[in-house]
Amino acid sequence: KKTGEVLKQARLKDAIYKYFSAPVAADGRIYILSEAGKVSVVKPGPDWEVIQTNDMHDAAYATPAIVDNKIYLRTDWGLYCLAKTN
């Protein structure tokens, strides 16, 4: 909405942790990486919903990067590149 009114406010049910990274958007989704290494994929909109949450099993403080249809996630012990396969 153009008014700035909050349309929905809620917690990410499987990823209730601290967040140091910024959310990023690509391909019609929002990607959010928690300090505990939980990656949530959110469908944006007024009735946004969590599509999936995955556990990287490692602490994470860096914002995910999206380049050439790939998402890069950096944790304390690794750098991951995720991409769709055809």
N, C-alpha and C. Protein backbone atom coordinates (compact mmCIF):
# COMPACT_ATOMS: atom_id res chain seq x y z
N LYS A 1 0.84 -1.19 0.00
CA LYS A 1 0.00 0.00 0.00
C LYS A 1 0.87 1.24 0.00
N LYS A 2 0.36 2.29 -0.52
CA LYS A 2 1.10 3.53 -0.57
C LYS A 2 1.09 4.28 0.76
N THR A 3 0.27 3.85 1.69
CA THR A 3 0.13 4.53 2.98
C THR A 3 1.23 4.19 3.97
N GLY A 4 1.95 3.09 3.71
CA GLY A 4 2.96 2.64 4.67
C GLY A 4 2.35 1.78 5.77
N GLU A 5 1.07 1.48 5.66
CA GLU A 5 0.37 0.66 6.65
C GLU A 5 0.94 -0.77 6.64
N VAL A 6 1.15 -1.33 7.83
CA VAL A 6 1.61 -2.71 7.96
C VAL A 6 0.47 -3.63 7.54
N LEU A 7 0.74 -4.51 6.58
CA LEU A 7 -0.28 -5.43 6.09
C LEU A 7 -0.27 -6.75 6.83
N LYS A 8 0.91 -7.18 7.25
CA LYS A 8 1.03 -8.42 8.01
C LYS A 8 2.32 -8.37 8.80
N GLN A 9 2.28 -8.87 10.01
CA GLN A 9 3.47 -8.94 10.85
C GLN A 9 3.44 -10.26 11.59
N ALA A 10 4.53 -11.02 11.47
CA ALA A 10 4.59 -12.34 12.11
C ALA A 10 6.04 -12.78 12.20
N ARG A 11 6.27 -13.85 12.93
CA ARG A 11 7.60 -14.44 13.03
C ARG A 11 7.74 -15.58 12.03
N LEU A 12 8.97 -15.84 11.63
CA LEU A 12 9.24 -16.98 10.76
C LEU A 12 9.22 -18.22 11.64
N LYS A 13 8.17 -19.01 11.55
CA LYS A 13 7.89 -20.07 12.53
C LYS A 13 9.05 -21.03 12.78
N ASP A 14 9.83 -21.38 11.77
CA ASP A 14 10.92 -22.33 11.97
C ASP A 14 12.28 -21.66 12.09
N ALA A 15 12.28 -20.33 12.18
CA ALA A 15 13.56 -19.61 12.22
C ALA A 15 13.47 -18.39 13.15
N ILE A 16 13.08 -18.65 14.39
CA ILE A 16 12.96 -17.56 15.36
C ILE A 16 14.33 -17.38 16.04
N TYR A 17 15.18 -16.58 15.40
CA TYR A 17 16.54 -16.35 15.87
C TYR A 17 16.89 -14.90 15.63
N LYS A 18 18.11 -14.53 15.97
CA LYS A 18 18.62 -13.20 15.64
C LYS A 18 19.02 -13.17 14.17
N TYR A 19 18.95 -11.99 13.58
CA TYR A 19 19.31 -11.81 12.18
C TYR A 19 20.31 -10.67 12.06
N PHE A 20 21.45 -10.97 11.44
CA PHE A 20 22.45 -9.95 11.17
C PHE A 20 22.49 -9.61 9.69
N SER A 21 22.03 -10.52 8.85
CA SER A 21 22.04 -10.29 7.41
C SER A 21 20.75 -9.60 6.98
N ALA A 22 20.81 -8.96 5.83
CA ALA A 22 19.63 -8.32 5.26
C ALA A 22 18.88 -9.32 4.39
N PRO A 23 17.57 -9.21 4.31
CA PRO A 23 16.83 -10.06 3.39
C PRO A 23 17.14 -9.64 1.95
N VAL A 24 17.10 -10.59 1.02
CA VAL A 24 17.31 -10.28 -0.39
C VAL A 24 16.18 -10.90 -1.20
N ALA A 25 15.90 -10.30 -2.35
CA ALA A 25 14.80 -10.77 -3.19
C ALA A 25 15.30 -11.15 -4.57
N ALA A 26 14.74 -12.24 -5.10
CA ALA A 26 15.04 -12.69 -6.45
C ALA A 26 13.99 -13.70 -6.88
N ASP A 27 13.69 -13.72 -8.16
CA ASP A 27 12.79 -14.72 -8.73
C ASP A 27 11.45 -14.79 -7.99
N GLY A 28 10.94 -13.65 -7.55
CA GLY A 28 9.65 -13.60 -6.88
C GLY A 28 9.64 -14.16 -5.47
N ARG A 29 10.81 -14.25 -4.86
CA ARG A 29 10.92 -14.77 -3.49
C ARG A 29 11.83 -13.86 -2.66
N ILE A 30 11.69 -13.94 -1.34
CA ILE A 30 12.58 -13.24 -0.43
C ILE A 30 13.35 -14.30 0.35
N TYR A 31 14.66 -14.12 0.44
CA TYR A 31 15.54 -15.07 1.13
C TYR A 31 16.09 -14.40 2.38
N ILE A 32 15.94 -15.09 3.52
CA ILE A 32 16.35 -14.54 4.80
C ILE A 32 17.21 -15.57 5.51
N LEU A 33 18.41 -15.17 5.95
CA LEU A 33 19.36 -16.08 6.59
C LEU A 33 19.59 -15.64 8.03
N SER A 34 19.26 -16.50 8.98
CA SER A 34 19.40 -16.16 10.40
C SER A 34 20.80 -16.43 10.92
N GLU A 35 21.12 -15.87 12.07
CA GLU A 35 22.40 -16.10 12.73
C GLU A 35 22.63 -17.59 12.97
N ALA A 36 21.57 -18.33 13.23
CA ALA A 36 21.68 -19.77 13.51
C ALA A 36 21.81 -20.60 12.23
N GLY A 37 21.81 -19.94 11.06
CA GLY A 37 21.99 -20.66 9.81
C GLY A 37 20.71 -21.21 9.22
N LYS A 38 19.57 -20.67 9.61
CA LYS A 38 18.29 -21.07 9.03
C LYS A 38 17.98 -20.14 7.84
N VAL A 39 17.74 -20.75 6.68
CA VAL A 39 17.41 -19.99 5.48
C VAL A 39 15.92 -20.12 5.23
N SER A 40 15.21 -19.01 5.29
CA SER A 40 13.78 -19.03 5.01
C SER A 40 13.52 -18.42 3.65
N VAL A 41 12.63 -19.07 2.90
CA VAL A 41 12.20 -18.58 1.59
C VAL A 41 10.76 -18.12 1.76
N VAL A 42 10.52 -16.86 1.45
CA VAL A 42 9.21 -16.25 1.71
C VAL A 42 8.59 -15.78 0.41
N LYS A 43 7.31 -16.08 0.24
CA LYS A 43 6.54 -15.55 -0.89
C LYS A 43 6.05 -14.16 -0.46
N PRO A 44 6.48 -13.10 -1.17
CA PRO A 44 6.11 -11.75 -0.74
C PRO A 44 4.65 -11.41 -1.05
N GLY A 45 4.17 -10.36 -0.43
CA GLY A 45 2.83 -9.86 -0.67
C GLY A 45 2.13 -9.58 0.64
N PRO A 46 0.94 -9.01 0.58
CA PRO A 46 0.21 -8.67 1.80
C PRO A 46 -0.09 -9.87 2.68
N ASP A 47 -0.24 -11.03 2.09
CA ASP A 47 -0.47 -12.26 2.84
C ASP A 47 0.74 -13.17 2.69
N TRP A 48 1.94 -12.58 2.89
CA TRP A 48 3.18 -13.35 2.67
C TRP A 48 3.15 -14.64 3.45
N GLU A 49 3.87 -15.62 2.90
CA GLU A 49 3.92 -16.92 3.57
C GLU A 49 5.32 -17.50 3.44
N VAL A 50 5.71 -18.27 4.43
CA VAL A 50 6.99 -18.97 4.41
C VAL A 50 6.80 -20.22 3.55
N ILE A 51 7.57 -20.31 2.47
CA ILE A 51 7.49 -21.46 1.57
C ILE A 51 8.28 -22.62 2.15
N GLN A 52 9.49 -22.31 2.65
CA GLN A 52 10.35 -23.36 3.18
C GLN A 52 11.42 -22.74 4.07
N THR A 53 11.88 -23.51 5.05
CA THR A 53 13.02 -23.13 5.88
C THR A 53 13.99 -24.29 5.89
N ASN A 54 15.26 -23.99 5.60
CA ASN A 54 16.31 -25.02 5.58
C ASN A 54 17.38 -24.66 6.60
N ASP A 55 17.96 -25.65 7.20
CA ASP A 55 18.99 -25.46 8.22
C ASP A 55 20.37 -25.74 7.62
N MET A 56 21.24 -24.74 7.65
CA MET A 56 22.61 -24.90 7.13
C MET A 56 23.52 -25.52 8.19
N HIS A 57 23.03 -25.70 9.40
CA HIS A 57 23.79 -26.32 10.50
C HIS A 57 25.10 -25.60 10.79
N ASP A 58 25.07 -24.27 10.71
CA ASP A 58 26.25 -23.47 10.96
C ASP A 58 25.82 -22.02 11.16
N ALA A 59 26.55 -21.29 11.96
CA ALA A 59 26.24 -19.88 12.20
C ALA A 59 26.46 -19.07 10.92
N ALA A 60 25.66 -18.02 10.74
CA ALA A 60 25.76 -17.18 9.55
C ALA A 60 25.50 -15.73 9.92
N TYR A 61 26.34 -14.85 9.40
CA TYR A 61 26.19 -13.42 9.67
C TYR A 61 26.18 -12.59 8.40
N ALA A 62 26.41 -13.21 7.24
CA ALA A 62 26.51 -12.49 5.97
C ALA A 62 25.19 -12.50 5.22
N THR A 63 24.93 -11.43 4.51
CA THR A 63 23.75 -11.33 3.67
C THR A 63 23.92 -12.24 2.45
N PRO A 64 22.90 -13.02 2.11
CA PRO A 64 22.99 -13.84 0.90
C PRO A 64 23.23 -12.95 -0.33
N ALA A 65 23.96 -13.47 -1.29
CA ALA A 65 24.22 -12.74 -2.54
C ALA A 65 23.59 -13.51 -3.69
N ILE A 66 22.99 -12.78 -4.61
CA ILE A 66 22.36 -13.41 -5.76
C ILE A 66 23.02 -12.88 -7.03
N VAL A 67 23.58 -13.81 -7.83
CA VAL A 67 24.29 -13.47 -9.05
C VAL A 67 23.98 -14.54 -10.10
N ASP A 68 23.59 -14.11 -11.30
CA ASP A 68 23.36 -15.03 -12.41
C ASP A 68 22.47 -16.22 -12.03
N ASN A 69 21.34 -15.94 -11.41
CA ASN A 69 20.36 -16.97 -11.02
C ASN A 69 20.91 -17.99 -10.02
N LYS A 70 21.92 -17.60 -9.28
CA LYS A 70 22.47 -18.44 -8.21
C LYS A 70 22.44 -17.64 -6.92
N ILE A 71 22.22 -18.35 -5.80
CA ILE A 71 22.26 -17.69 -4.50
C ILE A 71 23.47 -18.23 -3.74
N TYR A 72 24.24 -17.30 -3.19
CA TYR A 72 25.44 -17.66 -2.43
C TYR A 72 25.17 -17.39 -0.96
N LEU A 73 25.45 -18.39 -0.13
CA LEU A 73 25.27 -18.29 1.32
C LEU A 73 26.61 -18.54 1.99
N ARG A 74 27.02 -17.63 2.86
CA ARG A 74 28.28 -17.81 3.58
C ARG A 74 27.98 -18.04 5.04
N THR A 75 28.52 -19.13 5.58
CA THR A 75 28.40 -19.43 6.99
C THR A 75 29.79 -19.36 7.61
N ASP A 76 29.89 -19.63 8.90
CA ASP A 76 31.21 -19.60 9.55
C ASP A 76 32.19 -20.57 8.92
N TRP A 77 31.70 -21.70 8.41
CA TRP A 77 32.61 -22.75 7.93
C TRP A 77 32.47 -23.06 6.45
N GLY A 78 31.65 -22.33 5.72
CA GLY A 78 31.51 -22.68 4.31
C GLY A 78 30.88 -21.58 3.47
N LEU A 79 31.08 -21.72 2.17
CA LEU A 79 30.44 -20.88 1.18
C LEU A 79 29.65 -21.81 0.26
N TYR A 80 28.36 -21.57 0.14
CA TYR A 80 27.48 -22.44 -0.64
C TYR A 80 26.92 -21.69 -1.82
N CYS A 81 26.81 -22.37 -2.94
CA CYS A 81 26.19 -21.82 -4.14
C CYS A 81 25.01 -22.72 -4.49
N LEU A 82 23.82 -22.15 -4.53
CA LEU A 82 22.62 -22.91 -4.83
C LEU A 82 22.02 -22.40 -6.14
N ALA A 83 21.63 -23.33 -7.00
CA ALA A 83 21.05 -22.97 -8.29
C ALA A 83 20.02 -24.01 -8.70
N LYS A 84 19.11 -23.58 -9.53
CA LYS A 84 18.12 -24.51 -10.09
C LYS A 84 18.81 -25.40 -11.11
N THR A 85 18.38 -26.64 -11.18
CA THR A 85 18.86 -27.53 -12.23
C THR A 85 17.75 -27.72 -13.25
N ASN A 86 18.12 -27.88 -14.48
CA ASN A 86 17.12 -28.05 -15.54
C ASN A 86 16.75 -29.47 -15.74
